[in-house]
C-alpha atoms as a PDB file:
ATOM      1  CA  MET A   1     -27.235   7.940   4.913  1.00  0.00           C
ATOM      2  CA  PRO A   2     -27.764  11.501   6.315  1.00  0.00           C
ATOM      3  CA  ARG A   3     -24.915  13.200   8.147  1.00  0.00           C
ATOM      4  CA  PRO A   4     -24.848  12.690  11.912  1.00  0.00           C
ATOM      5  CA  PHE A   5     -26.217  15.665  13.865  1.00  0.00           C
ATOM      6  CA  ARG A   6     -23.759  18.176  15.378  1.00  0.00           C
ATOM      7  CA  PHE A   7     -24.714  20.819  17.825  1.00  0.00           C
ATOM      8  CA  GLY A   8     -23.109  24.206  18.385  1.00  0.00           C
ATOM      9  CA  ALA A   9     -23.407  26.490  21.448  1.00  0.00           C
ATOM     10  CA  SER A  10     -22.950  30.216  20.673  1.00  0.00           C
ATOM     11  CA  LEU A  11     -21.691  31.957  23.852  1.00  0.00           C
ATOM     12  CA  LEU A  12     -22.278  35.660  23.636  1.00  0.00           C
ATOM     13  CA  THR A  13     -20.999  37.598  26.714  1.00  0.00           C
ATOM     14  CA  SER A  14     -17.592  37.945  28.192  1.00  0.00           C
ATOM     15  CA  ALA A  15     -16.983  36.893  31.766  1.00  0.00           C
ATOM     16  CA  PRO A  16     -14.148  36.530  34.358  1.00  0.00           C
ATOM     17  CA  ALA A  17     -11.966  33.478  33.749  1.00  0.00           C
ATOM     18  CA  ASP A  18     -13.647  31.139  36.238  1.00  0.00           C
ATOM     19  CA  GLU A  19     -17.106  31.974  35.015  1.00  0.00           C
ATOM     20  CA  TRP A  20     -16.168  31.652  31.355  1.00  0.00           C
ATOM     21  CA  ARG A  21     -14.533  28.313  31.869  1.00  0.00           C
ATOM     22  CA  ALA A  22     -17.573  27.060  33.836  1.00  0.00           C
ATOM     23  CA  ARG A  23     -19.960  28.078  31.058  1.00  0.00           C
ATOM     24  CA  CYS A  24     -17.781  26.265  28.505  1.00  0.00           C
ATOM     25  CA  ARG A  25     -17.659  23.130  30.623  1.00  0.00           C
ATOM     26  CA  ARG A  26     -21.447  23.283  31.031  1.00  0.00           C
ATOM     27  CA  ALA A  27     -21.901  23.398  27.265  1.00  0.00           C
ATOM     28  CA  GLU A  28     -19.691  20.316  27.047  1.00  0.00           C
ATOM     29  CA  GLU A  29     -21.661  18.533  29.741  1.00  0.00           C
ATOM     30  CA  LEU A  30     -24.938  19.262  27.890  1.00  0.00           C
ATOM     31  CA  GLY A  31     -23.560  17.518  24.810  1.00  0.00           C
ATOM     32  CA  TYR A  32     -22.696  20.404  22.480  1.00  0.00           C
ATOM     33  CA  ASP A  33     -20.040  19.529  19.912  1.00  0.00           C
ATOM     34  CA  VAL A  34     -18.735  23.019  19.178  1.00  0.00           C
ATOM     35  CA  ILE A  35     -18.308  26.100  21.374  1.00  0.00           C
ATOM     36  CA  LEU A  36     -18.826  29.182  19.258  1.00  0.00           C
ATOM     37  CA  VAL A  37     -18.318  32.914  19.719  1.00  0.00           C
ATOM     38  CA  PRO A  38     -19.616  35.928  17.664  1.00  0.00           C
ATOM     39  CA  ASP A  39     -17.741  39.020  16.475  1.00  0.00           C
ATOM     40  CA  HIS A  40     -19.781  41.943  17.613  1.00  0.00           C
ATOM     41  CA  LEU A  41     -18.686  44.987  19.582  1.00  0.00           C
ATOM     42  CA  GLY A  42     -19.791  44.691  23.245  1.00  0.00           C
ATOM     43  CA  MET A  43     -19.524  40.896  23.181  1.00  0.00           C
ATOM     44  CA  VAL A  44     -16.698  38.487  23.886  1.00  0.00           C
ATOM     45  CA  ALA A  45     -13.390  38.963  21.933  1.00  0.00           C
ATOM     46  CA  PRO A  46     -13.235  35.903  19.674  1.00  0.00           C
ATOM     47  CA  PHE A  47      -9.768  34.428  19.725  1.00  0.00           C
ATOM     48  CA  PRO A  48      -8.748  34.709  23.421  1.00  0.00           C
ATOM     49  CA  ALA A  49     -12.199  33.347  24.352  1.00  0.00           C
ATOM     50  CA  LEU A  50     -11.760  30.347  22.106  1.00  0.00           C
ATOM     51  CA  VAL A  51      -8.327  29.561  23.489  1.00  0.00           C
ATOM     52  CA  ALA A  52      -9.770  29.672  27.048  1.00  0.00           C
ATOM     53  CA  ALA A  53     -12.764  27.527  25.902  1.00  0.00           C
ATOM     54  CA  ALA A  54     -10.505  24.818  24.545  1.00  0.00           C
ATOM     55  CA  ASP A  55      -8.361  24.904  27.648  1.00  0.00           C
ATOM     56  CA  ALA A  56     -11.473  24.453  29.895  1.00  0.00           C
ATOM     57  CA  THR A  57     -12.876  21.490  27.875  1.00  0.00           C
ATOM     58  CA  GLU A  58     -11.771  18.241  26.333  1.00  0.00           C
ATOM     59  CA  ARG A  59     -14.223  17.167  23.616  1.00  0.00           C
ATOM     60  CA  PRO A  60     -15.781  20.155  21.858  1.00  0.00           C
ATOM     61  CA  ARG A  61     -14.302  21.968  18.856  1.00  0.00           C
ATOM     62  CA  VAL A  62     -14.258  25.789  19.038  1.00  0.00           C
ATOM     63  CA  GLY A  63     -15.185  28.279  16.404  1.00  0.00           C
ATOM     64  CA  THR A  64     -16.055  31.828  15.324  1.00  0.00           C
ATOM     65  CA  PHE A  65     -19.648  32.362  14.427  1.00  0.00           C
ATOM     66  CA  VAL A  66     -18.910  34.415  12.503  1.00  0.00           C
ATOM     67  CA  LEU A  67     -16.072  36.844  12.154  1.00  0.00           C
ATOM     68  CA  ASN A  68     -16.902  40.100  10.548  1.00  0.00           C
ATOM     69  CA  ALA A  69     -14.479  40.227   7.633  1.00  0.00           C
ATOM     70  CA  GLY A  70     -14.706  44.044   7.572  1.00  0.00           C
ATOM     71  CA  PHE A  71     -12.994  44.190  11.024  1.00  0.00           C
ATOM     72  CA  TRP A  72      -9.932  42.202   9.873  1.00  0.00           C
ATOM     73  CA  ASN A  73      -6.867  42.573   7.745  1.00  0.00           C
ATOM     74  CA  PRO A  74      -6.373  39.202   6.070  1.00  0.00           C
ATOM     75  CA  THR A  75      -2.624  38.972   6.875  1.00  0.00           C
ATOM     76  CA  LEU A  76      -3.137  39.726  10.528  1.00  0.00           C
ATOM     77  CA  LEU A  77      -6.190  37.446  10.646  1.00  0.00           C
ATOM     78  CA  ALA A  78      -4.097  34.570   9.276  1.00  0.00           C
ATOM     79  CA  ARG A  79      -1.736  34.993  12.253  1.00  0.00           C
ATOM     80  CA  GLU A  80      -4.590  34.866  14.658  1.00  0.00           C
ATOM     81  CA  VAL A  81      -6.113  31.819  13.022  1.00  0.00           C
ATOM     82  CA  ALA A  82      -2.806  29.853  12.875  1.00  0.00           C
ATOM     83  CA  THR A  83      -1.911  30.651  16.496  1.00  0.00           C
ATOM     84  CA  THR A  84      -5.409  29.904  17.829  1.00  0.00           C
ATOM     85  CA  ASN A  85      -5.557  26.632  15.967  1.00  0.00           C
ATOM     86  CA  ASP A  86      -2.165  25.655  17.514  1.00  0.00           C
ATOM     87  CA  LEU A  87      -3.198  26.709  20.999  1.00  0.00           C
ATOM     88  CA  THR A  88      -6.465  24.795  20.831  1.00  0.00           C
ATOM     89  CA  GLY A  89      -4.877  21.591  19.617  1.00  0.00           C
ATOM     90  CA  GLY A  90      -6.228  21.876  16.122  1.00  0.00           C
ATOM     91  CA  ARG A  91      -9.824  22.212  17.301  1.00  0.00           C
ATOM     92  CA  LEU A  92     -10.591  25.515  15.544  1.00  0.00           C
ATOM     93  CA  GLU A  93     -13.391  26.046  12.983  1.00  0.00           C
ATOM     94  CA  LEU A  94     -13.208  29.424  11.243  1.00  0.00           C
ATOM     95  CA  GLY A  95     -16.534  31.117  10.499  1.00  0.00           C
ATOM     96  CA  LEU A  96     -16.487  34.223   8.273  1.00  0.00           C
ATOM     97  CA  GLY A  97     -19.147  36.657   7.062  1.00  0.00           C
ATOM     98  CA  THR A  98     -19.379  40.006   5.447  1.00  0.00           C
ATOM     99  CA  GLY A  99     -20.651  41.944   8.531  1.00  0.00           C
ATOM    100  CA  TYR A 100     -24.121  43.405   8.483  1.00  0.00           C
ATOM    101  CA  ILE A 101     -24.310  45.978  11.277  1.00  0.00           C
ATOM    102  CA  GLN A 102     -23.466  49.404   9.933  1.00  0.00           C
ATOM    103  CA  ALA A 103     -23.483  51.013  13.394  1.00  0.00           C
ATOM    104  CA  GLU A 104     -20.612  48.754  14.550  1.00  0.00           C
ATOM    105  CA  HIS A 105     -18.439  49.859  11.656  1.00  0.00           C
ATOM    106  CA  GLU A 106     -19.225  53.505  12.431  1.00  0.00           C
ATOM    107  CA  THR A 107     -18.335  52.987  16.100  1.00  0.00           C
ATOM    108  CA  ALA A 108     -15.068  51.305  15.127  1.00  0.00           C
ATOM    109  CA  GLY A 109     -14.216  54.003  12.574  1.00  0.00           C
ATOM    110  CA  LEU A 110     -14.197  51.452   9.748  1.00  0.00           C
ATOM    111  CA  PRO A 111     -15.860  51.762   6.319  1.00  0.00           C
ATOM    112  CA  PHE A 112     -19.003  49.756   5.875  1.00  0.00           C
ATOM    113  CA  GLY A 113     -19.385  49.731   2.115  1.00  0.00           C
ATOM    114  CA  SER A 114     -22.178  48.451  -0.055  1.00  0.00           C
ATOM    115  CA  PRO A 115     -23.264  44.832   0.057  1.00  0.00           C
ATOM    116  CA  GLY A 116     -21.229  44.154  -3.112  1.00  0.00           C
ATOM    117  CA  GLN A 117     -18.136  45.750  -1.647  1.00  0.00           C
ATOM    118  CA  ARG A 118     -18.490  43.718   1.511  1.00  0.00           C
ATOM    119  CA  VAL A 119     -18.794  40.499  -0.433  1.00  0.00           C
ATOM    120  CA  ASP A 120     -15.723  41.482  -2.547  1.00  0.00           C
ATOM    121  CA  HIS A 121     -13.739  42.033   0.667  1.00  0.00           C
ATOM    122  CA  LEU A 122     -14.813  38.713   2.092  1.00  0.00           C
ATOM    123  CA  ARG A 123     -13.759  36.916  -1.113  1.00  0.00           C
ATOM    124  CA  ARG A 124     -10.388  38.595  -0.964  1.00  0.00           C
ATOM    125  CA  THR A 125     -10.046  37.610   2.672  1.00  0.00           C
ATOM    126  CA  VAL A 126     -10.919  33.947   2.030  1.00  0.00           C
ATOM    127  CA  GLU A 127      -8.514  33.739  -0.908  1.00  0.00           C
ATOM    128  CA  GLU A 128      -5.688  35.409   1.077  1.00  0.00           C
ATOM    129  CA  LEU A 129      -6.259  33.163   4.078  1.00  0.00           C
ATOM    130  CA  ALA A 130      -6.111  30.112   1.814  1.00  0.00           C
ATOM    131  CA  ARG A 131      -2.757  31.326   0.431  1.00  0.00           C
ATOM    132  CA  LEU A 132      -1.276  32.286   3.830  1.00  0.00           C
ATOM    133  CA  LEU A 133      -2.451  29.243   5.768  1.00  0.00           C
ATOM    134  CA  LYS A 134      -1.620  26.494   3.280  1.00  0.00           C
ATOM    135  CA  THR A 135       1.761  25.801   4.879  1.00  0.00           C
ATOM    136  CA  THR A 136       0.688  25.907   8.491  1.00  0.00           C
ATOM    137  CA  GLY A 137      -0.327  22.250   8.938  1.00  0.00           C
ATOM    138  CA  PRO A 138      -3.754  20.625   8.981  1.00  0.00           C
ATOM    139  CA  GLY A 139      -6.429  22.759   7.384  1.00  0.00           C
ATOM    140  CA  VAL A 140      -8.929  24.749   9.514  1.00  0.00           C
ATOM    141  CA  PRO A 141     -12.578  24.024   8.481  1.00  0.00           C
ATOM    142  CA  LEU A 142     -14.106  27.093   6.896  1.00  0.00           C
ATOM    143  CA  LEU A 143     -17.697  28.137   7.608  1.00  0.00           C
ATOM    144  CA  LEU A 144     -19.320  30.820   5.434  1.00  0.00           C
ATOM    145  CA  GLY A 145     -22.746  32.290   5.976  1.00  0.00           C
ATOM    146  CA  GLY A 146     -24.939  34.452   3.825  1.00  0.00           C
ATOM    147  CA  ASN A 147     -28.272  34.758   1.993  1.00  0.00           C
ATOM    148  CA  GLY A 148     -27.804  36.556  -1.312  1.00  0.00           C
ATOM    149  CA  ASP A 149     -26.711  34.824  -4.523  1.00  0.00           C
ATOM    150  CA  ARG A 150     -23.124  36.177  -4.429  1.00  0.00           C
ATOM    151  CA  MET A 151     -22.619  34.917  -0.905  1.00  0.00           C
ATOM    152  CA  LEU A 152     -24.189  31.588  -1.703  1.00  0.00           C
ATOM    153  CA  ARG A 153     -21.887  31.239  -4.732  1.00  0.00           C
ATOM    154  CA  LEU A 154     -18.811  32.105  -2.595  1.00  0.00           C
ATOM    155  CA  THR A 155     -19.918  29.623   0.075  1.00  0.00           C
ATOM    156  CA  ALA A 156     -20.420  26.857  -2.518  1.00  0.00           C
ATOM    157  CA  GLU A 157     -16.948  27.571  -3.853  1.00  0.00           C
ATOM    158  CA  TYR A 158     -14.940  27.612  -0.660  1.00  0.00           C
ATOM    159  CA  ALA A 159     -16.830  26.586   2.487  1.00  0.00           C
ATOM    160  CA  ASP A 160     -16.547  23.243   4.275  1.00  0.00           C
ATOM    161  CA  ILE A 161     -19.663  24.335   6.241  1.00  0.00           C
ATOM    162  CA  ALA A 162     -22.459  26.364   4.645  1.00  0.00           C
ATOM    163  CA  ALA A 163     -24.375  28.398   7.295  1.00  0.00           C
ATOM    164  CA  PHE A 164     -27.842  29.737   6.946  1.00  0.00           C
ATOM    165  CA  THR A 165     -29.528  32.198   9.391  1.00  0.00           C
ATOM    166  CA  GLY A 166     -33.055  31.824   8.018  1.00  0.00           C
ATOM    167  CA  ALA A 167     -33.340  35.587   8.356  1.00  0.00           C
ATOM    168  CA  ARG A 168     -32.527  38.827   6.558  1.00  0.00           C
ATOM    169  CA  LEU A 169     -31.713  42.362   7.619  1.00  0.00           C
ATOM    170  CA  VAL A 170     -34.657  44.702   8.071  1.00  0.00           C
ATOM    171  CA  PRO A 171     -34.434  47.221   5.218  1.00  0.00           C
ATOM    172  CA  GLY A 172     -32.900  50.521   6.210  1.00  0.00           C
ATOM    173  CA  ASP A 173     -31.866  49.270   9.645  1.00  0.00           C
ATOM    174  CA  THR A 174     -28.327  50.117  10.798  1.00  0.00           C
ATOM    175  CA  GLU A 175     -28.392  48.255  14.163  1.00  0.00           C
ATOM    176  CA  GLY A 176     -28.517  44.722  12.799  1.00  0.00           C
ATOM    177  CA  LYS A 177     -32.233  43.882  13.325  1.00  0.00           C
ATOM    178  CA  LEU A 178     -33.149  40.700  11.513  1.00  0.00           C
ATOM    179  CA  SER A 179     -36.492  39.353  10.298  1.00  0.00           C
ATOM    180  CA  PRO A 180     -37.050  35.608   9.794  1.00  0.00           C
ATOM    181  CA  VAL A 181     -37.778  34.472   6.267  1.00  0.00           C
ATOM    182  CA  ASP A 182     -40.736  32.150   5.685  1.00  0.00           C
ATOM    183  CA  SER A 183     -40.306  28.471   4.918  1.00  0.00           C
ATOM    184  CA  THR A 184     -40.893  29.076   1.150  1.00  0.00           C
ATOM    185  CA  GLU A 185     -38.057  31.665   0.832  1.00  0.00           C
ATOM    186  CA  PHE A 186     -35.865  29.596   3.094  1.00  0.00           C
ATOM    187  CA  GLY A 187     -36.248  26.581   0.844  1.00  0.00           C
ATOM    188  CA  GLN A 188     -35.554  28.740  -2.232  1.00  0.00           C
ATOM    189  CA  ARG A 189     -32.282  29.960  -0.787  1.00  0.00           C
ATOM    190  CA  VAL A 190     -31.122  26.447   0.103  1.00  0.00           C
ATOM    191  CA  ALA A 191     -32.084  25.228  -3.368  1.00  0.00           C
ATOM    192  CA  ARG A 192     -30.128  28.179  -4.881  1.00  0.00           C
ATOM    193  CA  TYR A 193     -27.060  27.221  -2.877  1.00  0.00           C
ATOM    194  CA  ARG A 194     -27.301  23.648  -4.099  1.00  0.00           C
ATOM    195  CA  GLU A 195     -27.386  24.911  -7.687  1.00  0.00           C
ATOM    196  CA  PHE A 196     -24.081  26.672  -7.086  1.00  0.00           C
ATOM    197  CA  ALA A 197     -22.599  23.673  -5.199  1.00  0.00           C
ATOM    198  CA  ALA A 198     -23.659  21.078  -7.791  1.00  0.00           C
ATOM    199  CA  ASP A 199     -20.156  20.467  -9.036  1.00  0.00           C
ATOM    200  CA  ARG A 200     -18.512  20.079  -5.613  1.00  0.00           C
ATOM    201  CA  GLU A 201     -16.629  16.855  -5.144  1.00  0.00           C
ATOM    202  CA  LYS A 202     -17.463  16.741  -1.387  1.00  0.00           C
ATOM    203  CA  PRO A 203     -20.756  18.175  -0.151  1.00  0.00           C
ATOM    204  CA  ALA A 204     -20.512  20.836   2.524  1.00  0.00           C
ATOM    205  CA  GLU A 205     -22.017  20.389   5.931  1.00  0.00           C
ATOM    206  CA  LEU A 206     -25.098  22.554   6.341  1.00  0.00           C
ATOM    207  CA  ASN A 207     -25.530  24.674   9.467  1.00  0.00           C
ATOM    208  CA  LEU A 208     -28.716  26.479  10.709  1.00  0.00           C
ATOM    209  CA  LEU A 209     -28.708  29.142  13.404  1.00  0.00           C
ATOM    210  CA  ILE A 210     -31.736  28.643  15.604  1.00  0.00           C
ATOM    211  CA  GLN A 211     -33.244  31.939  16.817  1.00  0.00           C
ATOM    212  CA  LEU A 212     -35.638  30.704  19.519  1.00  0.00           C
ATOM    213  CA  VAL A 213     -36.130  27.500  21.577  1.00  0.00           C
ATOM    214  CA  ALA A 214     -39.150  26.917  23.786  1.00  0.00           C
ATOM    215  CA  VAL A 215     -40.107  23.408  24.850  1.00  0.00           C
ATOM    216  CA  THR A 216     -43.721  23.853  25.879  1.00  0.00           C
ATOM    217  CA  ASP A 217     -47.243  22.526  25.580  1.00  0.00           C
ATOM    218  CA  ASP A 218     -48.474  26.051  25.024  1.00  0.00           C
ATOM    219  CA  PRO A 219     -46.682  27.517  22.033  1.00  0.00           C
ATOM    220  CA  ALA A 220     -49.148  30.434  21.718  1.00  0.00           C
ATOM    221  CA  SER A 221     -48.086  31.794  25.131  1.00  0.00           C
ATOM    222  CA  ALA A 222     -44.353  31.321  24.385  1.00  0.00           C
ATOM    223  CA  LEU A 223     -44.669  33.173  21.111  1.00  0.00           C
ATOM    224  CA  ARG A 224     -47.016  35.952  22.334  1.00  0.00           C
ATOM    225  CA  PRO A 225     -44.316  38.661  22.570  1.00  0.00           C
ATOM    226  CA  LEU A 226     -43.169  37.915  18.967  1.00  0.00           C
ATOM    227  CA  LEU A 227     -46.769  37.874  17.705  1.00  0.00           C
ATOM    228  CA  ASP A 228     -47.370  41.232  19.380  1.00  0.00           C
ATOM    229  CA  ARG A 229     -44.444  42.708  17.518  1.00  0.00           C
ATOM    230  CA  ARG A 230     -45.292  41.031  14.249  1.00  0.00           C
ATOM    231  CA  PRO A 231     -49.093  41.323  13.746  1.00  0.00           C
ATOM    232  CA  ASP A 232     -48.607  40.384  10.132  1.00  0.00           C
ATOM    233  CA  LEU A 233     -47.782  36.774  11.210  1.00  0.00           C
ATOM    234  CA  THR A 234     -50.144  34.127  12.496  1.00  0.00           C
ATOM    235  CA  LEU A 235     -49.222  31.608  15.119  1.00  0.00           C
ATOM    236  CA  GLU A 236     -49.159  28.865  12.473  1.00  0.00           C
ATOM    237  CA  GLN A 237     -46.797  30.913  10.294  1.00  0.00           C
ATOM    238  CA  VAL A 238     -44.384  31.416  13.134  1.00  0.00           C
ATOM    239  CA  LEU A 239     -44.427  27.786  14.098  1.00  0.00           C
ATOM    240  CA  ASP A 240     -43.586  26.961  10.554  1.00  0.00           C
ATOM    241  CA  LEU A 241     -40.470  29.136  10.484  1.00  0.00           C
ATOM    242  CA  PRO A 242     -37.352  26.832  10.290  1.00  0.00           C
ATOM    243  CA  VAL A 243     -35.435  28.921  12.869  1.00  0.00           C
ATOM    244  CA  MET A 244     -38.215  28.791  15.551  1.00  0.00           C
ATOM    245  CA  LEU A 245     -38.309  25.680  17.643  1.00  0.00           C
ATOM    246  CA  VAL A 246     -41.409  26.072  19.772  1.00  0.00           C
ATOM    247  CA  GLY A 247     -43.596  23.161  20.982  1.00  0.00           C
ATOM    248  CA  THR A 248     -43.224  19.806  22.686  1.00  0.00           C
ATOM    249  CA  GLN A 249     -39.942  17.987  22.586  1.00  0.00           C
ATOM    250  CA  ASP A 250     -41.398  15.448  20.249  1.00  0.00           C
ATOM    251  CA  HIS A 251     -42.508  18.211  17.851  1.00  0.00           C
ATOM    252  CA  ILE A 252     -39.132  19.922  17.912  1.00  0.00           C
ATOM    253  CA  THR A 253     -37.105  16.780  17.349  1.00  0.00           C
ATOM    254  CA  ALA A 254     -39.481  15.759  14.518  1.00  0.00           C
ATOM    255  CA  LYS A 255     -39.062  19.169  12.962  1.00  0.00           C
ATOM    256  CA  LEU A 256     -35.291  18.985  13.029  1.00  0.00           C
ATOM    257  CA  ARG A 257     -35.259  15.492  11.575  1.00  0.00           C
ATOM    258  CA  ALA A 258     -37.481  16.738   8.779  1.00  0.00           C
ATOM    259  CA  LEU A 259     -35.221  19.714   8.153  1.00  0.00           C
ATOM    260  CA  ARG A 260     -32.269  17.356   7.783  1.00  0.00           C
ATOM    261  CA  ASP A 261     -34.209  14.942   5.560  1.00  0.00           C
ATOM    262  CA  ARG A 262     -35.497  17.648   3.287  1.00  0.00           C
ATOM    263  CA  HIS A 263     -32.751  20.228   3.235  1.00  0.00           C
ATOM    264  CA  GLY A 264     -29.708  18.529   4.701  1.00  0.00           C
ATOM    265  CA  PHE A 265     -29.238  20.551   7.945  1.00  0.00           C
ATOM    266  CA  SER A 266     -27.264  18.382  10.308  1.00  0.00           C
ATOM    267  CA  TYR A 267     -25.301  21.065  12.200  1.00  0.00           C
ATOM    268  CA  LEU A 268     -27.557  23.093  14.484  1.00  0.00           C
ATOM    269  CA  THR A 269     -26.470  26.114  16.468  1.00  0.00           C
ATOM    270  CA  VAL A 270     -28.378  27.664  19.361  1.00  0.00           C
ATOM    271  CA  LEU A 271     -27.738  30.869  21.152  1.00  0.00           C
ATOM    272  CA  GLU A 272     -26.586  30.923  24.767  1.00  0.00           C
ATOM    273  CA  PRO A 273     -29.955  31.751  26.363  1.00  0.00           C
ATOM    274  CA  TYR A 274     -31.340  28.470  25.009  1.00  0.00           C
ATOM    275  CA  LEU A 275     -28.524  26.046  25.827  1.00  0.00           C
ATOM    276  CA  GLU A 276     -30.323  24.401  28.737  1.00  0.00           C
ATOM    277  CA  ALA A 277     -33.748  24.307  26.989  1.00  0.00           C
ATOM    278  CA  PHE A 278     -32.287  22.670  23.899  1.00  0.00           C
ATOM    279  CA  ALA A 279     -30.205  20.073  25.769  1.00  0.00           C
ATOM    280  CA  PRO A 280     -32.975  17.448  25.986  1.00  0.00           C
ATOM    281  CA  VAL A 281     -33.445  17.757  22.244  1.00  0.00           C
ATOM    282  CA  VAL A 282     -29.692  17.227  21.748  1.00  0.00           C
ATOM    283  CA  GLU A 283     -29.915  14.081  23.870  1.00  0.00           C
ATOM    284  CA  GLU A 284     -32.964  12.735  22.049  1.00  0.00           C
ATOM    285  CA  LEU A 285     -31.469  13.358  18.582  1.00  0.00           C
ATOM    286  CA  ARG A 286     -28.303  11.543  19.588  1.00  0.00           C
ATOM    287  CA  ARG A 287     -30.281   8.627  20.960  1.00  0.00           C
ATOM    288  CA  ASN A 288     -32.727   8.350  18.034  1.00  0.00           C
ATOM    289  CA  PRO A 289     -31.257  10.290  15.095  1.00  0.00           C
ATOM    290  CA  LEU A 290     -33.317   8.501  12.418  1.00  0.00           C
ATOM    291  CA  ALA A 291     -36.610   8.020  14.241  1.00  0.00           C
ATOM    292  CA  PRO A 292     -39.651   9.003  12.077  1.00  0.00           C
ATOM    293  CA  PRO A 293     -41.585  12.103  12.940  1.00  0.00           C
ATOM    294  CA  ALA A 294     -43.958  11.542  15.893  1.00  0.00           C
ATOM    295  CA  HIS A 295     -46.779  13.459  14.285  1.00  0.00           C
ATOM    296  CA  PRO A 296     -47.513  15.464  11.119  1.00  0.00           C
ATOM    297  CA  LEU A 297     -45.460  18.573  10.718  1.00  0.00           C
ATOM    298  CA  LEU A 298     -46.311  21.987   9.404  1.00  0.00           C
ATOM    299  CA  GLY A 299     -45.886  23.072   5.861  1.00  0.00           C
ATOM    300  CA  PHE A 300     -42.030  23.460   5.762  1.00  0.00           C
ATOM    301  CA  SER A 301     -41.552  19.690   5.847  1.00  0.00           C
ATOM    302  CA  HIS A 302     -43.655  18.861   2.854  1.00  0.00           C
ATOM    303  CA  GLU A 303     -42.985  19.102  -0.867  1.00  0.00           C
END
């Protein structure tokens, strides 16, 4: 049996207390299982926001999606994690990544390092957290996200949840611009992770970050701005991207069932601007999680 679907809502911007609490309650009302926050300068501060989110809601878990390990000293981070887990009633999920925006490190006066150095620091952080938190009570589920082989190997070794963005950093960019990978490369990365995770006793939950949601009968119009920026892509190629959910509700739900059947993605995260648009999909996948696709899908769903 496939894993049940779970749905994460990534809330991006800070707000006064009443507005923040209302947004968190709305995510709960819409059926999201996890309220998530990022770790970028200019956005919400992770740990106080999660404590407030848990206080405002009853059912959802709360999590970081994801912390930039380069911003954190492992010993101090362990204190934040333990306290936040206590104050949220054990509802915390800890997401960690290497950090990928060089400009943020420069603004904060912190070293950025090479990709290898950032992965090394993340590994040290994960190992130190495991040591420091082992006596603090029930474990906090760990989510790790990445694309390269070293990150996939680390994820296979330690993570309860393996997160995929379906995108990679634009070469030479320092501001964090990402470019979606096509379905072939995406499948190769998932397969590579599974190679590294083959000896795990308990399979990890697989998470996918959705970049765009548009429930529409006219996908060409919805995708016109993206196609204008990316003349190298056709409409069919964009519709085939795993992280783009554009089309009728039936098409989107079928695509997500196929992603779970083929690759195992059962935990789906959407960004704050798409919470309302994605809510009917959440409802349909809860009502009919195993229904067959309503119509043939594009190439990503086929062997």
